[in-house]
Amino acid sequence: MKESDTAISRRVTKPKLFDEAIHFRARAGTKARIDELRGETRQGDFVRELIEDALDRREQEAAKPQDR
């Protein structure tokens, strides 16, 4: 059986787990810092985790009562 005999004839898309695209500009050197920390993790996955962690932290801080 040739490879073309087993190929899928129609386009198969990936499941849409993450459907919001966010584009932004960062300070010079940010990409190098990310690349140094992320290791073997895909860049998109690493940045997504950074953003989600930061959002969770900020949401928790906002939920705390403000005692001043």
PDB file of N, CA and C in Angstrom:
ATOM      1  N   MET A   1       0.853  -1.177   0.000  1.00  0.00           N
ATOM      2  CA  MET A   1       0.000   0.000   0.000  1.00  0.00           C
ATOM      3  C   MET A   1       0.899   1.240   0.000  1.00  0.00           C
ATOM      4  N   LYS A   2       0.659   2.129  -0.941  1.00  0.00           N
ATOM      5  CA  LYS A   2       1.433   3.358  -1.030  1.00  0.00           C
ATOM      6  C   LYS A   2       0.909   4.371  -0.018  1.00  0.00           C
ATOM      7  N   GLU A   3       1.772   5.338   0.335  1.00  0.00           N
ATOM      8  CA  GLU A   3       1.376   6.361   1.302  1.00  0.00           C
ATOM      9  C   GLU A   3       0.137   7.116   0.836  1.00  0.00           C
ATOM     10  N   SER A   4       0.050   7.383  -0.452  1.00  0.00           N
ATOM     11  CA  SER A   4      -1.099   8.130  -0.971  1.00  0.00           C
ATOM     12  C   SER A   4      -2.403   7.353  -0.826  1.00  0.00           C
ATOM     13  N   ASP A   5      -2.313   6.016  -0.736  1.00  0.00           N
ATOM     14  CA  ASP A   5      -3.516   5.211  -0.550  1.00  0.00           C
ATOM     15  C   ASP A   5      -4.108   5.378   0.846  1.00  0.00           C
ATOM     16  N   THR A   6      -3.267   5.731   1.821  1.00  0.00           N
ATOM     17  CA  THR A   6      -3.735   5.847   3.195  1.00  0.00           C
ATOM     18  C   THR A   6      -3.965   7.296   3.623  1.00  0.00           C
ATOM     19  N   ALA A   7      -3.629   8.236   2.771  1.00  0.00           N
ATOM     20  CA  ALA A   7      -3.775   9.649   3.131  1.00  0.00           C
ATOM     21  C   ALA A   7      -5.249  10.020   3.255  1.00  0.00           C
ATOM     22  N   ILE A   8      -5.519  10.944   4.147  1.00  0.00           N
ATOM     23  CA  ILE A   8      -6.879  11.444   4.315  1.00  0.00           C
ATOM     24  C   ILE A   8      -7.149  12.434   3.192  1.00  0.00           C
ATOM     25  N   SER A   9      -8.216  12.243   2.479  1.00  0.00           N
ATOM     26  CA  SER A   9      -8.472  13.053   1.290  1.00  0.00           C
ATOM     27  C   SER A   9      -9.040  14.430   1.606  1.00  0.00           C
ATOM     28  N   ARG A  10      -9.594  14.616   2.759  1.00  0.00           N
ATOM     29  CA  ARG A  10     -10.146  15.933   3.106  1.00  0.00           C
ATOM     30  C   ARG A  10      -9.344  16.535   4.258  1.00  0.00           C
ATOM     31  N   ARG A  11      -9.509  17.798   4.447  1.00  0.00           N
ATOM     32  CA  ARG A  11      -8.763  18.506   5.473  1.00  0.00           C
ATOM     33  C   ARG A  11      -9.306  18.176   6.856  1.00  0.00           C
ATOM     34  N   VAL A  12      -8.419  17.839   7.779  1.00  0.00           N
ATOM     35  CA  VAL A  12      -8.795  17.542   9.151  1.00  0.00           C
ATOM     36  C   VAL A  12      -8.255  18.676  10.025  1.00  0.00           C
ATOM     37  N   THR A  13      -9.123  19.300  10.782  1.00  0.00           N
ATOM     38  CA  THR A  13      -8.692  20.419  11.613  1.00  0.00           C
ATOM     39  C   THR A  13      -8.451  19.972  13.042  1.00  0.00           C
ATOM     40  N   LYS A  14      -7.640  20.724  13.745  1.00  0.00           N
ATOM     41  CA  LYS A  14      -7.375  20.454  15.152  1.00  0.00           C
ATOM     42  C   LYS A  14      -8.574  20.918  15.980  1.00  0.00           C
ATOM     43  N   PRO A  15      -8.823  20.285  17.105  1.00  0.00           N
ATOM     44  CA  PRO A  15      -9.904  20.770  17.967  1.00  0.00           C
ATOM     45  C   PRO A  15      -9.576  22.171  18.471  1.00  0.00           C
ATOM     46  N   LYS A  16     -10.579  22.991  18.609  1.00  0.00           N
ATOM     47  CA  LYS A  16     -10.391  24.379  19.014  1.00  0.00           C
ATOM     48  C   LYS A  16     -10.470  24.512  20.531  1.00  0.00           C
ATOM     49  N   LEU A  17      -9.401  24.147  21.219  1.00  0.00           N
ATOM     50  CA  LEU A  17      -9.359  24.307  22.667  1.00  0.00           C
ATOM     51  C   LEU A  17      -9.122  25.765  23.033  1.00  0.00           C
ATOM     52  N   PHE A  18      -8.278  26.401  22.244  1.00  0.00           N
ATOM     53  CA  PHE A  18      -7.927  27.802  22.483  1.00  0.00           C
ATOM     54  C   PHE A  18      -8.311  28.563  21.225  1.00  0.00           C
ATOM     55  N   ASP A  19      -9.289  29.447  21.338  1.00  0.00           N
ATOM     56  CA  ASP A  19      -9.800  30.088  20.133  1.00  0.00           C
ATOM     57  C   ASP A  19      -9.637  31.600  20.097  1.00  0.00           C
ATOM     58  N   GLU A  20      -8.931  32.174  21.050  1.00  0.00           N
ATOM     59  CA  GLU A  20      -8.708  33.609  21.019  1.00  0.00           C
ATOM     60  C   GLU A  20      -7.245  33.890  20.707  1.00  0.00           C
ATOM     61  N   ALA A  21      -7.018  34.653  19.644  1.00  0.00           N
ATOM     62  CA  ALA A  21      -5.655  35.041  19.277  1.00  0.00           C
ATOM     63  C   ALA A  21      -5.367  36.418  19.863  1.00  0.00           C
ATOM     64  N   ILE A  22      -4.253  36.525  20.541  1.00  0.00           N
ATOM     65  CA  ILE A  22      -3.847  37.797  21.132  1.00  0.00           C
ATOM     66  C   ILE A  22      -2.452  38.125  20.606  1.00  0.00           C
ATOM     67  N   HIS A  23      -2.317  39.297  20.041  1.00  0.00           N
ATOM     68  CA  HIS A  23      -1.026  39.743  19.513  1.00  0.00           C
ATOM     69  C   HIS A  23      -0.624  40.995  20.276  1.00  0.00           C
ATOM     70  N   PHE A  24       0.640  41.070  20.651  1.00  0.00           N
ATOM     71  CA  PHE A  24       1.092  42.236  21.398  1.00  0.00           C
ATOM     72  C   PHE A  24       2.565  42.481  21.139  1.00  0.00           C
ATOM     73  N   ARG A  25       2.989  43.678  21.433  1.00  0.00           N
ATOM     74  CA  ARG A  25       4.408  44.033  21.343  1.00  0.00           C
ATOM     75  C   ARG A  25       4.965  44.032  22.757  1.00  0.00           C
ATOM     76  N   ALA A  26       6.193  43.556  22.884  1.00  0.00           N
ATOM     77  CA  ALA A  26       6.837  43.492  24.187  1.00  0.00           C
ATOM     78  C   ALA A  26       8.168  44.239  24.117  1.00  0.00           C
ATOM     79  N   ARG A  27       8.712  44.509  25.292  1.00  0.00           N
ATOM     80  CA  ARG A  27      10.008  45.195  25.357  1.00  0.00           C
ATOM     81  C   ARG A  27      11.088  44.363  24.677  1.00  0.00           C
ATOM     82  N   ALA A  28      12.105  45.038  24.220  1.00  0.00           N
ATOM     83  CA  ALA A  28      13.244  44.354  23.602  1.00  0.00           C
ATOM     84  C   ALA A  28      13.834  43.359  24.594  1.00  0.00           C
ATOM     85  N   GLY A  29      14.146  42.179  24.112  1.00  0.00           N
ATOM     86  CA  GLY A  29      14.736  41.150  24.960  1.00  0.00           C
ATOM     87  C   GLY A  29      13.735  40.181  25.567  1.00  0.00           C
ATOM     88  N   THR A  30      12.441  40.468  25.446  1.00  0.00           N
ATOM     89  CA  THR A  30      11.424  39.600  26.046  1.00  0.00           C
ATOM     90  C   THR A  30      11.430  38.214  25.404  1.00  0.00           C
ATOM     91  N   LYS A  31      11.529  38.149  24.086  1.00  0.00           N
ATOM     92  CA  LYS A  31      11.536  36.848  23.410  1.00  0.00           C
ATOM     93  C   LYS A  31      12.734  36.014  23.865  1.00  0.00           C
ATOM     94  N   ALA A  32      13.881  36.627  24.006  1.00  0.00           N
ATOM     95  CA  ALA A  32      15.068  35.897  24.468  1.00  0.00           C
ATOM     96  C   ALA A  32      14.864  35.370  25.885  1.00  0.00           C
ATOM     97  N   ARG A  33      14.245  36.167  26.744  1.00  0.00           N
ATOM     98  CA  ARG A  33      13.967  35.725  28.120  1.00  0.00           C
ATOM     99  C   ARG A  33      13.018  34.532  28.124  1.00  0.00           C
ATOM    100  N   ILE A  34      11.977  34.600  27.287  1.00  0.00           N
ATOM    101  CA  ILE A  34      11.013  33.500  27.185  1.00  0.00           C
ATOM    102  C   ILE A  34      11.720  32.244  26.670  1.00  0.00           C
ATOM    103  N   ASP A  35      12.508  32.395  25.606  1.00  0.00           N
ATOM    104  CA  ASP A  35      13.204  31.243  25.025  1.00  0.00           C
ATOM    105  C   ASP A  35      14.146  30.598  26.032  1.00  0.00           C
ATOM    106  N   GLU A  36      14.786  31.405  26.870  1.00  0.00           N
ATOM    107  CA  GLU A  36      15.707  30.870  27.868  1.00  0.00           C
ATOM    108  C   GLU A  36      14.971  30.050  28.926  1.00  0.00           C
ATOM    109  N   LEU A  37      13.775  30.473  29.306  1.00  0.00           N
ATOM    110  CA  LEU A  37      13.016  29.806  30.367  1.00  0.00           C
ATOM    111  C   LEU A  37      12.171  28.625  29.906  1.00  0.00           C
ATOM    112  N   ARG A  38      11.714  28.647  28.676  1.00  0.00           N
ATOM    113  CA  ARG A  38      10.709  27.667  28.250  1.00  0.00           C
ATOM    114  C   ARG A  38      11.247  26.276  27.982  1.00  0.00           C
ATOM    115  N   GLY A  39      12.539  26.126  27.758  1.00  0.00           N
ATOM    116  CA  GLY A  39      13.108  24.803  27.513  1.00  0.00           C
ATOM    117  C   GLY A  39      12.505  24.161  26.285  1.00  0.00           C
ATOM    118  N   GLU A  40      11.979  22.940  26.430  1.00  0.00           N
ATOM    119  CA  GLU A  40      11.404  22.199  25.307  1.00  0.00           C
ATOM    120  C   GLU A  40       9.933  22.522  25.069  1.00  0.00           C
ATOM    121  N   THR A  41       9.318  23.329  25.936  1.00  0.00           N
ATOM    122  CA  THR A  41       7.904  23.695  25.797  1.00  0.00           C
ATOM    123  C   THR A  41       7.730  24.585  24.576  1.00  0.00           C
ATOM    124  N   ARG A  42       6.672  24.336  23.814  1.00  0.00           N
ATOM    125  CA  ARG A  42       6.382  25.198  22.669  1.00  0.00           C
ATOM    126  C   ARG A  42       6.173  26.626  23.149  1.00  0.00           C
ATOM    127  N   GLN A  43       6.632  27.587  22.358  1.00  0.00           N
ATOM    128  CA  GLN A  43       6.557  28.988  22.756  1.00  0.00           C
ATOM    129  C   GLN A  43       5.120  29.414  23.043  1.00  0.00           C
ATOM    130  N   GLY A  44       4.177  29.044  22.188  1.00  0.00           N
ATOM    131  CA  GLY A  44       2.777  29.422  22.388  1.00  0.00           C
ATOM    132  C   GLY A  44       2.209  28.864  23.677  1.00  0.00           C
ATOM    133  N   ASP A  45       2.538  27.604  23.968  1.00  0.00           N
ATOM    134  CA  ASP A  45       2.062  26.979  25.203  1.00  0.00           C
ATOM    135  C   ASP A  45       2.652  27.672  26.417  1.00  0.00           C
ATOM    136  N   PHE A  46       3.938  27.998  26.339  1.00  0.00           N
ATOM    137  CA  PHE A  46       4.611  28.649  27.469  1.00  0.00           C
ATOM    138  C   PHE A  46       4.007  30.025  27.748  1.00  0.00           C
ATOM    139  N   VAL A  47       3.834  30.809  26.696  1.00  0.00           N
ATOM    140  CA  VAL A  47       3.270  32.163  26.863  1.00  0.00           C
ATOM    141  C   VAL A  47       1.828  32.075  27.349  1.00  0.00           C
ATOM    142  N   ARG A  48       1.056  31.097  26.856  1.00  0.00           N
ATOM    143  CA  ARG A  48      -0.329  30.919  27.313  1.00  0.00           C
ATOM    144  C   ARG A  48      -0.355  30.639  28.812  1.00  0.00           C
ATOM    145  N   GLU A  49       0.540  29.761  29.283  1.00  0.00           N
ATOM    146  CA  GLU A  49       0.605  29.449  30.716  1.00  0.00           C
ATOM    147  C   GLU A  49       1.001  30.676  31.535  1.00  0.00           C
ATOM    148  N   LEU A  50       1.961  31.456  31.029  1.00  0.00           N
ATOM    149  CA  LEU A  50       2.354  32.681  31.728  1.00  0.00           C
ATOM    150  C   LEU A  50       1.172  33.631  31.896  1.00  0.00           C
ATOM    151  N   ILE A  51       0.433  33.829  30.818  1.00  0.00           N
ATOM    152  CA  ILE A  51      -0.707  34.746  30.851  1.00  0.00           C
ATOM    153  C   ILE A  51      -1.789  34.225  31.780  1.00  0.00           C
ATOM    154  N   GLU A  52      -2.106  32.933  31.687  1.00  0.00           N
ATOM    155  CA  GLU A  52      -3.144  32.365  32.549  1.00  0.00           C
ATOM    156  C   GLU A  52      -2.749  32.442  34.023  1.00  0.00           C
ATOM    157  N   ASP A  53      -1.480  32.160  34.339  1.00  0.00           N
ATOM    158  CA  ASP A  53      -1.008  32.263  35.729  1.00  0.00           C
ATOM    159  C   ASP A  53      -1.101  33.698  36.243  1.00  0.00           C
ATOM    160  N   ALA A  54      -0.708  34.645  35.406  1.00  0.00           N
ATOM    161  CA  ALA A  54      -0.764  36.057  35.806  1.00  0.00           C
ATOM    162  C   ALA A  54      -2.213  36.509  36.005  1.00  0.00           C
ATOM    163  N   LEU A  55      -3.106  36.075  35.122  1.00  0.00           N
ATOM    164  CA  LEU A  55      -4.524  36.428  35.275  1.00  0.00           C
ATOM    165  C   LEU A  55      -5.108  35.830  36.554  1.00  0.00           C
ATOM    166  N   ASP A  56      -4.800  34.564  36.819  1.00  0.00           N
ATOM    167  CA  ASP A  56      -5.288  33.924  38.049  1.00  0.00           C
ATOM    168  C   ASP A  56      -4.815  34.688  39.282  1.00  0.00           C
ATOM    169  N   ARG A  57      -3.532  35.051  39.292  1.00  0.00           N
ATOM    170  CA  ARG A  57      -2.972  35.787  40.432  1.00  0.00           C
ATOM    171  C   ARG A  57      -3.662  37.149  40.603  1.00  0.00           C
ATOM    172  N   ARG A  58      -3.854  37.857  39.511  1.00  0.00           N
ATOM    173  CA  ARG A  58      -4.503  39.182  39.593  1.00  0.00           C
ATOM    174  C   ARG A  58      -5.968  39.060  40.019  1.00  0.00           C
ATOM    175  N   GLU A  59      -6.652  38.022  39.547  1.00  0.00           N
ATOM    176  CA  GLU A  59      -8.050  37.814  39.942  1.00  0.00           C
ATOM    177  C   GLU A  59      -8.141  37.507  41.435  1.00  0.00           C
ATOM    178  N   GLN A  60      -7.211  36.719  41.952  1.00  0.00           N
ATOM    179  CA  GLN A  60      -7.199  36.413  43.383  1.00  0.00           C
ATOM    180  C   GLN A  60      -6.922  37.665  44.205  1.00  0.00           C
ATOM    181  N   GLU A  61      -5.990  38.486  43.740  1.00  0.00           N
ATOM    182  CA  GLU A  61      -5.691  39.739  44.437  1.00  0.00           C
ATOM    183  C   GLU A  61      -6.893  40.679  44.423  1.00  0.00           C
ATOM    184  N   ALA A  62      -7.611  40.731  43.318  1.00  0.00           N
ATOM    185  CA  ALA A  62      -8.779  41.607  43.196  1.00  0.00           C
ATOM    186  C   ALA A  62      -9.931  41.118  44.071  1.00  0.00           C
ATOM    187  N   ALA A  63      -9.990  39.807  44.321  1.00  0.00           N
ATOM    188  CA  ALA A  63     -11.075  39.246  45.129  1.00  0.00           C
ATOM    189  C   ALA A  63     -10.854  39.454  46.622  1.00  0.00           C
ATOM    190  N   LYS A  64      -9.621  39.716  47.039  1.00  0.00           N
ATOM    191  CA  LYS A  64      -9.332  39.948  48.450  1.00  0.00           C
ATOM    192  C   LYS A  64      -9.926  41.283  48.876  1.00  0.00           C
ATOM    193  N   PRO A  65     -10.475  41.349  50.091  1.00  0.00           N
ATOM    194  CA  PRO A  65     -10.999  42.636  50.564  1.00  0.00           C
ATOM    195  C   PRO A  65      -9.867  43.644  50.721  1.00  0.00           C
ATOM    196  N   GLN A  66     -10.156  44.861  50.351  1.00  0.00           N
ATOM    197  CA  GLN A  66      -9.163  45.923  50.443  1.00  0.00           C
ATOM    198  C   GLN A  66      -9.220  46.556  51.834  1.00  0.00           C
ATOM    199  N   ASP A  67      -8.263  46.225  52.698  1.00  0.00           N
ATOM    200  CA  ASP A  67      -8.191  46.790  54.045  1.00  0.00           C
ATOM    201  C   ASP A  67      -7.184  47.923  54.059  1.00  0.00           C
ATOM    202  N   ARG A  68      -7.689  49.138  54.012  1.00  0.00           N
ATOM    203  CA  ARG A  68      -6.800  50.311  54.034  1.00  0.00           C
ATOM    204  C   ARG A  68      -7.372  51.366  54.920  1.00  0.00           C
TER     205      ARG A  68
END
